[in-house]
């Protein structure tokens, strides 16, 4: 699970202080937790993306691509070759 960066949380809430961010997230109805070590908010990227309908940030990872049987045809893949 990807967690929003502190910068993401600041951009989403418009707040810089952890307590203010937590309050804003609660008011916005965004599920979150507070870190036990420093009280900073933890917000799952997927939750924010689903609620806001936008991609939060690019983390340099590509979206997994499903290779359907039709995509495999002609690729030389052993599972698609008929003997």
C-alpha atoms as a PDB file:
ATOM      1  CA  UNK A   1       0.000   0.000   0.000  1.00  0.00           C
ATOM      2  CA  UNK A   2       1.335   3.407  -0.945  1.00  0.00           C
ATOM      3  CA  UNK A   3       1.093   6.165   1.649  1.00  0.00           C
ATOM      4  CA  UNK A   4       0.719   9.836   0.725  1.00  0.00           C
ATOM      5  CA  UNK A   5       3.864  11.866   1.226  1.00  0.00           C
ATOM      6  CA  UNK A   6       3.848  14.707   3.770  1.00  0.00           C
ATOM      7  CA  UNK A   7       3.721  17.083   0.793  1.00  0.00           C
ATOM      8  CA  UNK A   8       0.652  15.265  -0.584  1.00  0.00           C
ATOM      9  CA  UNK A   9      -1.132  15.578   2.773  1.00  0.00           C
ATOM     10  CA  UNK A  10      -0.240  19.272   2.983  1.00  0.00           C
ATOM     11  CA  UNK A  11      -1.575  19.855  -0.522  1.00  0.00           C
ATOM     12  CA  UNK A  12      -4.790  17.916   0.164  1.00  0.00           C
ATOM     13  CA  UNK A  13      -5.525  19.650   3.476  1.00  0.00           C
ATOM     14  CA  UNK A  14      -3.955  23.045   2.906  1.00  0.00           C
ATOM     15  CA  UNK A  15      -2.429  22.726   6.387  1.00  0.00           C
ATOM     16  CA  UNK A  16       1.170  22.368   7.565  1.00  0.00           C
ATOM     17  CA  UNK A  17       0.704  21.322  11.224  1.00  0.00           C
ATOM     18  CA  UNK A  18      -0.049  17.654  11.899  1.00  0.00           C
ATOM     19  CA  UNK A  19      -3.009  18.318  14.229  1.00  0.00           C
ATOM     20  CA  UNK A  20      -4.559  20.702  11.710  1.00  0.00           C
ATOM     21  CA  UNK A  21      -4.029  18.145   8.923  1.00  0.00           C
ATOM     22  CA  UNK A  22      -5.706  15.419  11.000  1.00  0.00           C
ATOM     23  CA  UNK A  23      -8.645  17.727  11.745  1.00  0.00           C
ATOM     24  CA  UNK A  24      -8.984  18.657   8.052  1.00  0.00           C
ATOM     25  CA  UNK A  25      -8.842  15.013   6.944  1.00  0.00           C
ATOM     26  CA  UNK A  26     -11.532  14.137   9.502  1.00  0.00           C
ATOM     27  CA  UNK A  27     -13.738  17.026   8.300  1.00  0.00           C
ATOM     28  CA  UNK A  28     -13.238  15.938   4.684  1.00  0.00           C
ATOM     29  CA  UNK A  29     -14.198  12.361   5.550  1.00  0.00           C
ATOM     30  CA  UNK A  30     -10.874  10.965   4.344  1.00  0.00           C
ATOM     31  CA  UNK A  31      -9.910   7.814   6.284  1.00  0.00           C
ATOM     32  CA  UNK A  32      -6.530   8.198   7.949  1.00  0.00           C
ATOM     33  CA  UNK A  33      -4.416   7.254  10.943  1.00  0.00           C
ATOM     34  CA  UNK A  34      -1.881   9.152  13.013  1.00  0.00           C
ATOM     35  CA  UNK A  35       1.651   7.805  13.389  1.00  0.00           C
ATOM     36  CA  UNK A  36       2.330   6.820  16.974  1.00  0.00           C
ATOM     37  CA  UNK A  37       5.863   8.217  16.769  1.00  0.00           C
ATOM     38  CA  UNK A  38       5.221  11.835  15.782  1.00  0.00           C
ATOM     39  CA  UNK A  39       1.463  12.203  15.218  1.00  0.00           C
ATOM     40  CA  UNK A  40       1.815  12.798  11.488  1.00  0.00           C
ATOM     41  CA  UNK A  41      -1.121  11.664   9.346  1.00  0.00           C
ATOM     42  CA  UNK A  42      -1.014   8.449   7.345  1.00  0.00           C
ATOM     43  CA  UNK A  43      -3.294   8.433   4.323  1.00  0.00           C
ATOM     44  CA  UNK A  44      -3.443   5.713   1.682  1.00  0.00           C
ATOM     45  CA  UNK A  45      -2.932   7.021  -1.839  1.00  0.00           C
ATOM     46  CA  UNK A  46      -5.665   4.714  -3.160  1.00  0.00           C
ATOM     47  CA  UNK A  47      -8.219   6.197  -0.737  1.00  0.00           C
ATOM     48  CA  UNK A  48      -7.520   9.755  -1.848  1.00  0.00           C
ATOM     49  CA  UNK A  49      -7.493   8.818  -5.521  1.00  0.00           C
ATOM     50  CA  UNK A  50     -10.832   7.015  -5.154  1.00  0.00           C
ATOM     51  CA  UNK A  51     -12.460   9.846  -3.198  1.00  0.00           C
ATOM     52  CA  UNK A  52     -11.169  12.708  -5.321  1.00  0.00           C
ATOM     53  CA  UNK A  53     -11.105  10.884  -8.626  1.00  0.00           C
ATOM     54  CA  UNK A  54      -7.591  12.121  -9.358  1.00  0.00           C
ATOM     55  CA  UNK A  55      -4.113  10.676  -9.254  1.00  0.00           C
ATOM     56  CA  UNK A  56      -2.271  12.047  -6.220  1.00  0.00           C
ATOM     57  CA  UNK A  57       1.347  11.729  -7.323  1.00  0.00           C
ATOM     58  CA  UNK A  58       3.597   9.767  -9.585  1.00  0.00           C
ATOM     59  CA  UNK A  59       6.007   7.654  -7.623  1.00  0.00           C
ATOM     60  CA  UNK A  60       7.941   6.353 -10.606  1.00  0.00           C
ATOM     61  CA  UNK A  61       6.068   3.073 -10.636  1.00  0.00           C
ATOM     62  CA  UNK A  62       4.157   1.893 -13.618  1.00  0.00           C
ATOM     63  CA  UNK A  63       0.652   0.552 -13.469  1.00  0.00           C
ATOM     64  CA  UNK A  64       0.616  -3.227 -13.865  1.00  0.00           C
ATOM     65  CA  UNK A  65      -0.668  -4.238 -17.274  1.00  0.00           C
ATOM     66  CA  UNK A  66      -2.807  -7.319 -17.720  1.00  0.00           C
ATOM     67  CA  UNK A  67      -1.841  -9.373 -20.736  1.00  0.00           C
ATOM     68  CA  UNK A  68      -5.021 -10.867 -22.098  1.00  0.00           C
ATOM     69  CA  UNK A  69      -5.010 -13.934 -24.357  1.00  0.00           C
ATOM     70  CA  UNK A  70      -5.661 -11.728 -27.388  1.00  0.00           C
ATOM     71  CA  UNK A  71      -2.606  -9.626 -26.503  1.00  0.00           C
ATOM     72  CA  UNK A  72      -0.489 -12.761 -26.294  1.00  0.00           C
ATOM     73  CA  UNK A  73      -1.447 -14.050 -29.750  1.00  0.00           C
ATOM     74  CA  UNK A  74       1.402 -13.712 -32.151  1.00  0.00           C
ATOM     75  CA  UNK A  75       3.835 -12.783 -29.413  1.00  0.00           C
ATOM     76  CA  UNK A  76       5.569 -16.136 -29.549  1.00  0.00           C
ATOM     77  CA  UNK A  77       4.429 -16.896 -26.008  1.00  0.00           C
ATOM     78  CA  UNK A  78       4.446 -20.666 -25.416  1.00  0.00           C
ATOM     79  CA  UNK A  79       0.959 -20.675 -23.877  1.00  0.00           C
ATOM     80  CA  UNK A  80      -0.550 -19.348 -27.098  1.00  0.00           C
ATOM     81  CA  UNK A  81       1.247 -21.597 -29.552  1.00  0.00           C
ATOM     82  CA  UNK A  82      -0.706 -24.553 -30.872  1.00  0.00           C
ATOM     83  CA  UNK A  83       1.260 -27.610 -31.749  1.00  0.00           C
END
